[in-house]
Amino acid sequence: MLKGKSEQAIVETIIQLAHRLGMKTLAEGVEKKEQVKLLQEFSCDYLQ
């Protein structure tokens, strides 16, 4: 996700798709503050 806009777009799109289908999302392998910030901006439900 931190490599660039294309990688971020994939994650954001997965989250949006899940939410539109009534699902929650969980991001695996969160290790950096920058990832947390982006995932919060993308409205990811759970981080681990």
All heavy atoms as atom14 arrays in JSON, in Angstrom:
{
  "sequence": "MLKGKSEQAIVETIIQLAHRLGMKTLAEGVEKKEQVKLLQEFSCDYLQ",
  "atom14_mask": [
    [1, 1, 1, 1, 1, 1, 1, 1, 0, 0, 0, 0, 0, 0],
    [1, 1, 1, 1, 1, 1, 1, 1, 0, 0, 0, 0, 0, 0],
    [1, 1, 1, 1, 1, 1, 1, 1, 1, 0, 0, 0, 0, 0],
    [1, 1, 1, 1, 0, 0, 0, 0, 0, 0, 0, 0, 0, 0],
    [1, 1, 1, 1, 1, 1, 1, 1, 1, 0, 0, 0, 0, 0],
    [1, 1, 1, 1, 1, 1, 0, 0, 0, 0, 0, 0, 0, 0],
    [1, 1, 1, 1, 1, 1, 1, 1, 1, 0, 0, 0, 0, 0],
    [1, 1, 1, 1, 1, 1, 1, 1, 1, 0, 0, 0, 0, 0],
    [1, 1, 1, 1, 1, 0, 0, 0, 0, 0, 0, 0, 0, 0],
    [1, 1, 1, 1, 1, 1, 1, 1, 0, 0, 0, 0, 0, 0],
    [1, 1, 1, 1, 1, 1, 1, 0, 0, 0, 0, 0, 0, 0],
    [1, 1, 1, 1, 1, 1, 1, 1, 1, 0, 0, 0, 0, 0],
    [1, 1, 1, 1, 1, 1, 1, 0, 0, 0, 0, 0, 0, 0],
    [1, 1, 1, 1, 1, 1, 1, 1, 0, 0, 0, 0, 0, 0],
    [1, 1, 1, 1, 1, 1, 1, 1, 0, 0, 0, 0, 0, 0],
    [1, 1, 1, 1, 1, 1, 1, 1, 1, 0, 0, 0, 0, 0],
    [1, 1, 1, 1, 1, 1, 1, 1, 0, 0, 0, 0, 0, 0],
    [1, 1, 1, 1, 1, 0, 0, 0, 0, 0, 0, 0, 0, 0],
    [1, 1, 1, 1, 1, 1, 1, 1, 1, 1, 0, 0, 0, 0],
    [1, 1, 1, 1, 1, 1, 1, 1, 1, 1, 1, 0, 0, 0],
    [1, 1, 1, 1, 1, 1, 1, 1, 0, 0, 0, 0, 0, 0],
    [1, 1, 1, 1, 0, 0, 0, 0, 0, 0, 0, 0, 0, 0],
    [1, 1, 1, 1, 1, 1, 1, 1, 0, 0, 0, 0, 0, 0],
    [1, 1, 1, 1, 1, 1, 1, 1, 1, 0, 0, 0, 0, 0],
    [1, 1, 1, 1, 1, 1, 1, 0, 0, 0, 0, 0, 0, 0],
    [1, 1, 1, 1, 1, 1, 1, 1, 0, 0, 0, 0, 0, 0],
    [1, 1, 1, 1, 1, 0, 0, 0, 0, 0, 0, 0, 0, 0],
    [1, 1, 1, 1, 1, 1, 1, 1, 1, 0, 0, 0, 0, 0],
    [1, 1, 1, 1, 0, 0, 0, 0, 0, 0, 0, 0, 0, 0],
    [1, 1, 1, 1, 1, 1, 1, 0, 0, 0, 0, 0, 0, 0],
    [1, 1, 1, 1, 1, 1, 1, 1, 1, 0, 0, 0, 0, 0],
    [1, 1, 1, 1, 1, 1, 1, 1, 1, 0, 0, 0, 0, 0],
    [1, 1, 1, 1, 1, 1, 1, 1, 1, 0, 0, 0, 0, 0],
    [1, 1, 1, 1, 1, 1, 1, 1, 1, 0, 0, 0, 0, 0],
    [1, 1, 1, 1, 1, 1, 1, 1, 1, 0, 0, 0, 0, 0],
    [1, 1, 1, 1, 1, 1, 1, 0, 0, 0, 0, 0, 0, 0],
    [1, 1, 1, 1, 1, 1, 1, 1, 1, 0, 0, 0, 0, 0],
    [1, 1, 1, 1, 1, 1, 1, 1, 0, 0, 0, 0, 0, 0],
    [1, 1, 1, 1, 1, 1, 1, 1, 0, 0, 0, 0, 0, 0],
    [1, 1, 1, 1, 1, 1, 1, 1, 1, 0, 0, 0, 0, 0],
    [1, 1, 1, 1, 1, 1, 1, 1, 1, 0, 0, 0, 0, 0],
    [1, 1, 1, 1, 1, 1, 1, 1, 1, 1, 1, 0, 0, 0],
    [1, 1, 1, 1, 1, 1, 0, 0, 0, 0, 0, 0, 0, 0],
    [1, 1, 1, 1, 1, 1, 0, 0, 0, 0, 0, 0, 0, 0],
    [1, 1, 1, 1, 1, 1, 1, 1, 0, 0, 0, 0, 0, 0],
    [1, 1, 1, 1, 1, 1, 1, 1, 1, 1, 1, 1, 0, 0],
    [1, 1, 1, 1, 1, 1, 1, 1, 0, 0, 0, 0, 0, 0],
    [1, 1, 1, 1, 1, 1, 1, 1, 1, 0, 0, 0, 0, 0]
  ],
  "atom14_positions": [
    [[0.79, -1.21, 0.0], [0.0, 0.0, 0.0], [0.84, 1.28, 0.0], [0.44, 2.29, -0.57], [-0.89, 0.0, 1.24], [-2.26, 0.51, 1.03], [-3.3, 0.27, 2.49], [-2.39, 1.05, 3.78], [0.0, 0.0, 0.0], [0.0, 0.0, 0.0], [0.0, 0.0, 0.0], [0.0, 0.0, 0.0], [0.0, 0.0, 0.0], [0.0, 0.0, 0.0]],
    [[1.99, 1.24, 0.64], [2.81, 2.44, 0.75], [3.7, 2.66, -0.46], [4.43, 3.66, -0.52], [3.66, 2.37, 2.03], [2.86, 2.27, 3.33], [3.79, 2.18, 4.53], [1.9, 3.44, 3.48], [0.0, 0.0, 0.0], [0.0, 0.0, 0.0], [0.0, 0.0, 0.0], [0.0, 0.0, 0.0], [0.0, 0.0, 0.0], [0.0, 0.0, 0.0]],
    [[3.64, 1.77, -1.45], [4.48, 1.91, -2.65], [3.97, 2.97, -3.61], [4.74, 3.55, -4.34], [4.59, 0.57, -3.37], [5.41, -0.45, -2.63], [5.53, -1.73, -3.42], [6.38, -2.75, -2.68], [6.45, -4.02, -3.41], [0.0, 0.0, 0.0], [0.0, 0.0, 0.0], [0.0, 0.0, 0.0], [0.0, 0.0, 0.0], [0.0, 0.0, 0.0]],
    [[2.64, 3.16, -3.64], [2.13, 4.14, -4.58], [0.63, 4.17, -4.67], [-0.08, 3.41, -4.0], [0.0, 0.0, 0.0], [0.0, 0.0, 0.0], [0.0, 0.0, 0.0], [0.0, 0.0, 0.0], [0.0, 0.0, 0.0], [0.0, 0.0, 0.0], [0.0, 0.0, 0.0], [0.0, 0.0, 0.0], [0.0, 0.0, 0.0], [0.0, 0.0, 0.0]],
    [[0.14, 5.06, -5.53], [-1.3, 5.29, -5.67], [-2.05, 4.07, -6.2], [-3.17, 3.8, -5.79], [-1.56, 6.49, -6.59], [-1.07, 7.8, -6.02], [-1.91, 8.21, -4.84], [-1.47, 9.57, -4.32], [-2.12, 9.93, -3.08], [0.0, 0.0, 0.0], [0.0, 0.0, 0.0], [0.0, 0.0, 0.0], [0.0, 0.0, 0.0], [0.0, 0.0, 0.0]],
    [[-1.44, 3.31, -7.12], [-2.12, 2.13, -7.67], [-2.36, 1.09, -6.59], [-3.45, 0.5, -6.5], [-1.29, 1.51, -8.8], [-1.19, 2.39, -9.88], [0.0, 0.0, 0.0], [0.0, 0.0, 0.0], [0.0, 0.0, 0.0], [0.0, 0.0, 0.0], [0.0, 0.0, 0.0], [0.0, 0.0, 0.0], [0.0, 0.0, 0.0], [0.0, 0.0, 0.0]],
    [[-1.36, 0.88, -5.75], [-1.49, -0.1, -4.66], [-2.54, 0.36, -3.65], [-3.31, -0.45, -3.13], [-0.13, -0.3, -3.99], [0.89, -1.02, -4.86], [1.59, -0.13, -5.89], [1.35, 1.1, -5.92], [2.39, -0.67, -6.67], [0.0, 0.0, 0.0], [0.0, 0.0, 0.0], [0.0, 0.0, 0.0], [0.0, 0.0, 0.0], [0.0, 0.0, 0.0]],
    [[-2.57, 1.66, -3.38], [-3.57, 2.19, -2.47], [-4.97, 2.05, -3.06], [-5.93, 1.74, -2.34], [-3.28, 3.66, -2.17], [-2.05, 3.87, -1.33], [-1.67, 5.32, -1.2], [-2.48, 6.22, -1.39], [-0.41, 5.57, -0.87], [0.0, 0.0, 0.0], [0.0, 0.0, 0.0], [0.0, 0.0, 0.0], [0.0, 0.0, 0.0], [0.0, 0.0, 0.0]],
    [[-5.09, 2.26, -4.36], [-6.38, 2.15, -5.03], [-6.96, 0.74, -4.91], [-8.18, 0.58, -4.74], [-6.26, 2.56, -6.49], [0.0, 0.0, 0.0], [0.0, 0.0, 0.0], [0.0, 0.0, 0.0], [0.0, 0.0, 0.0], [0.0, 0.0, 0.0], [0.0, 0.0, 0.0], [0.0, 0.0, 0.0], [0.0, 0.0, 0.0], [0.0, 0.0, 0.0]],
    [[-6.1, -0.26, -4.97], [-6.58, -1.64, -4.84], [-7.19, -1.85, -3.46], [-8.3, -2.38, -3.32], [-5.43, -2.64, -5.11], [-5.04, -2.6, -6.58], [-5.83, -4.06, -4.67], [-3.78, -3.37, -6.92], [0.0, 0.0, 0.0], [0.0, 0.0, 0.0], [0.0, 0.0, 0.0], [0.0, 0.0, 0.0], [0.0, 0.0, 0.0], [0.0, 0.0, 0.0]],
    [[-6.48, -1.43, -2.42], [-6.98, -1.62, -1.06], [-8.27, -0.83, -0.84], [-9.25, -1.35, -0.31], [-5.9, -1.2, -0.02], [-6.47, -1.23, 1.39], [-4.69, -2.13, -0.13], [0.0, 0.0, 0.0], [0.0, 0.0, 0.0], [0.0, 0.0, 0.0], [0.0, 0.0, 0.0], [0.0, 0.0, 0.0], [0.0, 0.0, 0.0], [0.0, 0.0, 0.0]],
    [[-8.28, 0.42, -1.27], [-9.47, 1.25, -1.09], [-10.66, 0.65, -1.84], [-11.79, 0.64, -1.32], [-9.2, 2.67, -1.59], [-10.35, 3.61, -1.33], [-10.05, 5.05, -1.72], [-9.13, 5.29, -2.52], [-10.75, 5.93, -1.21], [0.0, 0.0, 0.0], [0.0, 0.0, 0.0], [0.0, 0.0, 0.0], [0.0, 0.0, 0.0], [0.0, 0.0, 0.0]],
    [[-10.43, 0.12, -3.01], [-11.51, -0.48, -3.8], [-12.06, -1.74, -3.15], [-13.28, -1.96, -3.14], [-11.02, -0.77, -5.23], [-10.58, 0.47, -5.82], [-12.11, -1.38, -6.08], [0.0, 0.0, 0.0], [0.0, 0.0, 0.0], [0.0, 0.0, 0.0], [0.0, 0.0, 0.0], [0.0, 0.0, 0.0], [0.0, 0.0, 0.0], [0.0, 0.0, 0.0]],
    [[-11.19, -2.56, -2.59], [-11.66, -3.75, -1.87], [-12.56, -3.33, -0.71], [-13.63, -3.91, -0.49], [-10.47, -4.6, -1.36], [-9.72, -5.23, -2.53], [-10.96, -5.68, -0.39], [-8.41, -5.89, -2.15], [0.0, 0.0, 0.0], [0.0, 0.0, 0.0], [0.0, 0.0, 0.0], [0.0, 0.0, 0.0], [0.0, 0.0, 0.0], [0.0, 0.0, 0.0]],
    [[-12.15, -2.32, 0.02], [-12.93, -1.84, 1.17], [-14.28, -1.3, 0.7], [-15.33, -1.63, 1.27], [-12.14, -0.78, 1.97], [-10.92, -1.43, 2.63], [-13.02, -0.11, 3.01], [-9.9, -0.46, 3.18], [0.0, 0.0, 0.0], [0.0, 0.0, 0.0], [0.0, 0.0, 0.0], [0.0, 0.0, 0.0], [0.0, 0.0, 0.0], [0.0, 0.0, 0.0]],
    [[-14.27, -0.49, -0.34], [-15.53, 0.07, -0.86], [-16.46, -1.03, -1.36], [-17.67, -0.99, -1.1], [-15.24, 1.06, -1.98], [-14.6, 2.35, -1.52], [-14.21, 3.25, -2.68], [-14.2, 2.85, -3.83], [-13.85, 4.48, -2.36], [0.0, 0.0, 0.0], [0.0, 0.0, 0.0], [0.0, 0.0, 0.0], [0.0, 0.0, 0.0], [0.0, 0.0, 0.0]],
    [[-15.91, -2.0, -2.07], [-16.71, -3.11, -2.58], [-17.36, -3.87, -1.43], [-18.56, -4.15, -1.45], [-15.85, -4.05, -3.43], [-16.51, -5.33, -3.9], [-17.64, -5.02, -4.87], [-15.48, -6.25, -4.54], [0.0, 0.0, 0.0], [0.0, 0.0, 0.0], [0.0, 0.0, 0.0], [0.0, 0.0, 0.0], [0.0, 0.0, 0.0], [0.0, 0.0, 0.0]],
    [[-16.56, -4.2, -0.43], [-17.09, -4.93, 0.73], [-18.21, -4.15, 1.39], [-19.28, -4.71, 1.69], [-15.97, -5.22, 1.72], [0.0, 0.0, 0.0], [0.0, 0.0, 0.0], [0.0, 0.0, 0.0], [0.0, 0.0, 0.0], [0.0, 0.0, 0.0], [0.0, 0.0, 0.0], [0.0, 0.0, 0.0], [0.0, 0.0, 0.0], [0.0, 0.0, 0.0]],
    [[-17.99, -2.88, 1.62], [-19.01, -2.06, 2.28], [-20.29, -1.98, 1.44], [-21.4, -2.06, 1.99], [-18.47, -0.66, 2.57], [-17.47, -0.65, 3.68], [-16.66, 0.42, 3.94], [-17.13, -1.59, 4.61], [-15.88, 0.16, 4.97], [-16.15, -1.07, 5.39], [0.0, 0.0, 0.0], [0.0, 0.0, 0.0], [0.0, 0.0, 0.0], [0.0, 0.0, 0.0]],
    [[-20.15, -1.86, 0.14], [-21.34, -1.79, -0.72], [-22.13, -3.1, -0.71], [-23.33, -3.11, -0.96], [-20.96, -1.42, -2.15], [-20.61, 0.04, -2.27], [-20.39, 0.42, -3.69], [-20.27, 1.87, -3.75], [-20.48, 2.56, -4.83], [-20.8, 1.96, -5.95], [-20.34, 3.86, -4.82], [0.0, 0.0, 0.0], [0.0, 0.0, 0.0], [0.0, 0.0, 0.0]],
    [[-21.42, -4.2, -0.42], [-22.09, -5.5, -0.33], [-22.51, -5.82, 1.1], [-22.93, -6.94, 1.38], [-21.16, -6.59, -0.88], [-20.85, -6.49, -2.38], [-19.78, -7.51, -2.78], [-22.11, -6.7, -3.2], [0.0, 0.0, 0.0], [0.0, 0.0, 0.0], [0.0, 0.0, 0.0], [0.0, 0.0, 0.0], [0.0, 0.0, 0.0], [0.0, 0.0, 0.0]],
    [[-22.37, -4.86, 2.0], [-22.81, -5.04, 3.39], [-21.84, -5.83, 4.24], [-22.26, -6.41, 5.25], [0.0, 0.0, 0.0], [0.0, 0.0, 0.0], [0.0, 0.0, 0.0], [0.0, 0.0, 0.0], [0.0, 0.0, 0.0], [0.0, 0.0, 0.0], [0.0, 0.0, 0.0], [0.0, 0.0, 0.0], [0.0, 0.0, 0.0], [0.0, 0.0, 0.0]],
    [[-20.58, -5.85, 3.88], [-19.57, -6.6, 4.62], [-18.63, -5.66, 5.37], [-18.45, -4.52, 4.99], [-18.71, -7.43, 3.66], [-19.46, -8.45, 2.89], [-18.34, -9.23, 1.7], [-19.52, -9.75, 0.48], [0.0, 0.0, 0.0], [0.0, 0.0, 0.0], [0.0, 0.0, 0.0], [0.0, 0.0, 0.0], [0.0, 0.0, 0.0], [0.0, 0.0, 0.0]],
    [[-18.04, -6.17, 6.43], [-16.98, -5.47, 7.15], [-15.65, -5.83, 6.51], [-15.55, -6.8, 5.76], [-16.97, -5.88, 8.63], [-18.24, -5.57, 9.37], [-18.36, -4.12, 9.65], [-19.58, -3.84, 10.52], [-19.78, -2.43, 10.73], [0.0, 0.0, 0.0], [0.0, 0.0, 0.0], [0.0, 0.0, 0.0], [0.0, 0.0, 0.0], [0.0, 0.0, 0.0]],
    [[-14.61, -5.05, 6.84], [-13.28, -5.33, 6.31], [-12.26, -5.38, 7.44], [-12.39, -4.67, 8.44], [-12.85, -4.25, 5.3], [-12.97, -2.97, 5.89], [-13.69, -4.32, 4.04], [0.0, 0.0, 0.0], [0.0, 0.0, 0.0], [0.0, 0.0, 0.0], [0.0, 0.0, 0.0], [0.0, 0.0, 0.0], [0.0, 0.0, 0.0], [0.0, 0.0, 0.0]],
    [[-11.26, -6.23, 7.26], [-10.17, -6.35, 8.2], [-8.87, -6.35, 7.41], [-8.72, -7.14, 6.47], [-10.28, -7.65, 9.01], [-9.23, -7.84, 10.1], [-9.83, -8.57, 11.28], [-8.03, -8.59, 9.59], [0.0, 0.0, 0.0], [0.0, 0.0, 0.0], [0.0, 0.0, 0.0], [0.0, 0.0, 0.0], [0.0, 0.0, 0.0], [0.0, 0.0, 0.0]],
    [[-7.95, -5.47, 7.76], [-6.65, -5.4, 7.1], [-5.65, -6.21, 7.92], [-5.47, -5.95, 9.11], [-6.19, -3.96, 6.98], [0.0, 0.0, 0.0], [0.0, 0.0, 0.0], [0.0, 0.0, 0.0], [0.0, 0.0, 0.0], [0.0, 0.0, 0.0], [0.0, 0.0, 0.0], [0.0, 0.0, 0.0], [0.0, 0.0, 0.0], [0.0, 0.0, 0.0]],
    [[-5.01, -7.18, 7.28], [-4.02, -8.03, 7.93], [-2.62, -7.43, 7.78], [-2.32, -6.84, 6.74], [-3.97, -9.41, 7.28], [-5.25, -10.19, 7.34], [-5.12, -11.52, 6.63], [-4.43, -11.63, 5.59], [-5.74, -12.48, 7.12], [0.0, 0.0, 0.0], [0.0, 0.0, 0.0], [0.0, 0.0, 0.0], [0.0, 0.0, 0.0], [0.0, 0.0, 0.0]],
    [[-1.8, -7.6, 8.79], [-0.39, -7.26, 8.66], [-0.07, -5.78, 8.74], [0.89, -5.33, 8.14], [0.0, 0.0, 0.0], [0.0, 0.0, 0.0], [0.0, 0.0, 0.0], [0.0, 0.0, 0.0], [0.0, 0.0, 0.0], [0.0, 0.0, 0.0], [0.0, 0.0, 0.0], [0.0, 0.0, 0.0], [0.0, 0.0, 0.0], [0.0, 0.0, 0.0]],
    [[-0.85, -5.04, 9.49], [-0.59, -3.6, 9.64], [0.63, -3.44, 10.55], [0.63, -3.91, 11.69], [-1.82, -2.87, 10.22], [-1.52, -1.4, 10.45], [-3.02, -3.07, 9.33], [0.0, 0.0, 0.0], [0.0, 0.0, 0.0], [0.0, 0.0, 0.0], [0.0, 0.0, 0.0], [0.0, 0.0, 0.0], [0.0, 0.0, 0.0], [0.0, 0.0, 0.0]],
    [[1.66, -2.78, 10.03], [2.91, -2.64, 10.78], [3.38, -1.2, 10.93], [4.28, -0.93, 11.72], [4.02, -3.46, 10.11], [3.71, -4.95, 10.08], [4.78, -5.76, 9.38], [5.72, -5.16, 8.8], [4.67, -7.0, 9.4], [0.0, 0.0, 0.0], [0.0, 0.0, 0.0], [0.0, 0.0, 0.0], [0.0, 0.0, 0.0], [0.0, 0.0, 0.0]],
    [[2.8, -0.28, 10.17], [3.3, 1.1, 10.17], [2.17, 2.09, 10.38], [1.03, 1.88, 9.94], [3.99, 1.39, 8.83], [5.18, 0.5, 8.6], [5.82, 0.76, 7.26], [7.0, -0.19, 7.09], [7.59, -0.09, 5.8], [0.0, 0.0, 0.0], [0.0, 0.0, 0.0], [0.0, 0.0, 0.0], [0.0, 0.0, 0.0], [0.0, 0.0, 0.0]],
    [[2.53, 3.21, 11.01], [1.56, 4.27, 11.29], [0.94, 4.79, 9.99], [-0.25, 5.11, 9.96], [2.25, 5.4, 12.04], [1.33, 6.49, 12.51], [2.07, 7.51, 13.36], [1.08, 8.49, 13.94], [1.74, 9.4, 14.9], [0.0, 0.0, 0.0], [0.0, 0.0, 0.0], [0.0, 0.0, 0.0], [0.0, 0.0, 0.0], [0.0, 0.0, 0.0]],
    [[1.72, 4.87, 8.92], [1.22, 5.36, 7.64], [0.12, 4.44, 7.09], [-0.84, 4.91, 6.48], [2.35, 5.47, 6.61], [3.43, 6.47, 6.99], [4.5, 5.9, 7.94], [4.46, 4.69, 8.24], [5.34, 6.68, 8.39], [0.0, 0.0, 0.0], [0.0, 0.0, 0.0], [0.0, 0.0, 0.0], [0.0, 0.0, 0.0], [0.0, 0.0, 0.0]],
    [[0.26, 3.13, 7.32], [-0.77, 2.19, 6.9], [-2.05, 2.43, 7.7], [-3.15, 2.41, 7.14], [-0.3, 0.74, 7.11], [0.82, 0.34, 6.18], [1.46, -0.98, 6.61], [1.66, -1.23, 7.79], [1.79, -1.8, 5.62], [0.0, 0.0, 0.0], [0.0, 0.0, 0.0], [0.0, 0.0, 0.0], [0.0, 0.0, 0.0], [0.0, 0.0, 0.0]],
    [[-1.9, 2.62, 9.0], [-3.05, 2.88, 9.86], [-3.8, 4.1, 9.37], [-5.04, 4.08, 9.21], [-2.63, 3.07, 11.34], [-3.8, 3.54, 12.19], [-2.04, 1.79, 11.9], [0.0, 0.0, 0.0], [0.0, 0.0, 0.0], [0.0, 0.0, 0.0], [0.0, 0.0, 0.0], [0.0, 0.0, 0.0], [0.0, 0.0, 0.0], [0.0, 0.0, 0.0]],
    [[-3.07, 5.17, 9.09], [-3.7, 6.42, 8.64], [-4.48, 6.2, 7.35], [-5.63, 6.62, 7.23], [-2.64, 7.49, 8.46], [-3.2, 8.84, 8.1], [-2.12, 9.89, 7.96], [-2.77, 11.19, 7.52], [-1.83, 12.16, 7.05], [0.0, 0.0, 0.0], [0.0, 0.0, 0.0], [0.0, 0.0, 0.0], [0.0, 0.0, 0.0], [0.0, 0.0, 0.0]],
    [[-3.86, 5.56, 6.36], [-4.54, 5.32, 5.09], [-5.77, 4.43, 5.26], [-6.83, 4.7, 4.7], [-3.59, 4.68, 4.08], [-2.61, 5.63, 3.4], [-1.58, 4.84, 2.6], [-3.34, 6.6, 2.5], [0.0, 0.0, 0.0], [0.0, 0.0, 0.0], [0.0, 0.0, 0.0], [0.0, 0.0, 0.0], [0.0, 0.0, 0.0], [0.0, 0.0, 0.0]],
    [[-5.63, 3.38, 6.03], [-6.75, 2.46, 6.24], [-7.91, 3.15, 6.95], [-9.07, 2.88, 6.65], [-6.28, 1.21, 6.99], [-5.38, 0.29, 6.16], [-4.62, -0.67, 7.06], [-6.18, -0.45, 5.1], [0.0, 0.0, 0.0], [0.0, 0.0, 0.0], [0.0, 0.0, 0.0], [0.0, 0.0, 0.0], [0.0, 0.0, 0.0], [0.0, 0.0, 0.0]],
    [[-7.6, 4.05, 7.87], [-8.65, 4.82, 8.5], [-9.32, 5.75, 7.49], [-10.55, 5.88, 7.49], [-8.09, 5.63, 9.68], [-7.74, 4.76, 10.87], [-7.04, 5.53, 11.97], [-6.35, 6.52, 11.73], [-7.2, 5.06, 13.2], [0.0, 0.0, 0.0], [0.0, 0.0, 0.0], [0.0, 0.0, 0.0], [0.0, 0.0, 0.0], [0.0, 0.0, 0.0]],
    [[-8.52, 6.37, 6.63], [-9.08, 7.24, 5.59], [-9.99, 6.45, 4.64], [-11.0, 6.96, 4.16], [-7.96, 7.89, 4.77], [-7.23, 8.99, 5.5], [-6.06, 9.54, 4.69], [-6.03, 9.36, 3.46], [-5.18, 10.16, 5.31], [0.0, 0.0, 0.0], [0.0, 0.0, 0.0], [0.0, 0.0, 0.0], [0.0, 0.0, 0.0], [0.0, 0.0, 0.0]],
    [[-9.63, 5.18, 4.39], [-10.41, 4.33, 3.49], [-11.6, 3.69, 4.2], [-12.35, 2.94, 3.59], [-9.54, 3.22, 2.9], [-8.38, 3.7, 2.06], [-7.3, 2.86, 1.84], [-8.35, 4.95, 1.49], [-6.23, 3.26, 1.06], [-7.28, 5.37, 0.71], [-6.21, 4.52, 0.49], [0.0, 0.0, 0.0], [0.0, 0.0, 0.0], [0.0, 0.0, 0.0]],
    [[-11.77, 3.95, 5.5], [-12.87, 3.42, 6.33], [-12.8, 1.91, 6.53], [-13.84, 1.24, 6.59], [-14.23, 3.82, 5.74], [-14.35, 5.22, 5.7], [0.0, 0.0, 0.0], [0.0, 0.0, 0.0], [0.0, 0.0, 0.0], [0.0, 0.0, 0.0], [0.0, 0.0, 0.0], [0.0, 0.0, 0.0], [0.0, 0.0, 0.0], [0.0, 0.0, 0.0]],
    [[-11.6, 1.38, 6.63], [-11.45, -0.05, 6.96], [-11.98, -0.24, 8.38], [-11.72, 0.55, 9.28], [-9.98, -0.45, 6.87], [-9.72, -2.22, 7.06], [0.0, 0.0, 0.0], [0.0, 0.0, 0.0], [0.0, 0.0, 0.0], [0.0, 0.0, 0.0], [0.0, 0.0, 0.0], [0.0, 0.0, 0.0], [0.0, 0.0, 0.0], [0.0, 0.0, 0.0]],
    [[-12.75, -1.31, 8.58], [-13.42, -1.53, 9.86], [-12.49, -2.02, 10.96], [-12.61, -1.59, 12.11], [-14.57, -2.53, 9.68], [-15.6, -2.01, 8.71], [-16.26, -1.01, 9.04], [-15.74, -2.59, 7.61], [0.0, 0.0, 0.0], [0.0, 0.0, 0.0], [0.0, 0.0, 0.0], [0.0, 0.0, 0.0], [0.0, 0.0, 0.0], [0.0, 0.0, 0.0]],
    [[-11.58, -2.93, 10.62], [-10.7, -3.53, 11.63], [-9.28, -3.62, 11.08], [-9.08, -3.88, 9.89], [-11.17, -4.95, 12.0], [-12.59, -4.99, 12.51], [-13.63, -5.42, 11.68], [-12.9, -4.6, 13.81], [-14.93, -5.46, 12.14], [-14.21, -4.64, 14.26], [-15.21, -5.07, 13.44], [-16.5, -5.1, 13.89], [0.0, 0.0, 0.0], [0.0, 0.0, 0.0]],
    [[-8.32, -3.41, 11.97], [-6.91, -3.51, 11.61], [-6.25, -4.5, 12.57], [-6.53, -4.49, 13.76], [-6.22, -2.15, 11.74], [-6.91, -0.94, 11.11], [-6.1, 0.31, 11.4], [-7.12, -1.12, 9.63], [0.0, 0.0, 0.0], [0.0, 0.0, 0.0], [0.0, 0.0, 0.0], [0.0, 0.0, 0.0], [0.0, 0.0, 0.0], [0.0, 0.0, 0.0]],
    [[-5.35, -5.33, 12.03], [-4.59, -6.22, 12.9], [-3.15, -6.26, 12.4], [-2.89, -6.11, 11.22], [-5.2, -7.63, 12.92], [-4.84, -8.51, 11.75], [-5.44, -9.9, 11.85], [-6.58, -10.07, 12.26], [-4.67, -10.88, 11.47], [0.0, 0.0, 0.0], [0.0, 0.0, 0.0], [0.0, 0.0, 0.0], [0.0, 0.0, 0.0], [0.0, 0.0, 0.0]]
  ]
}
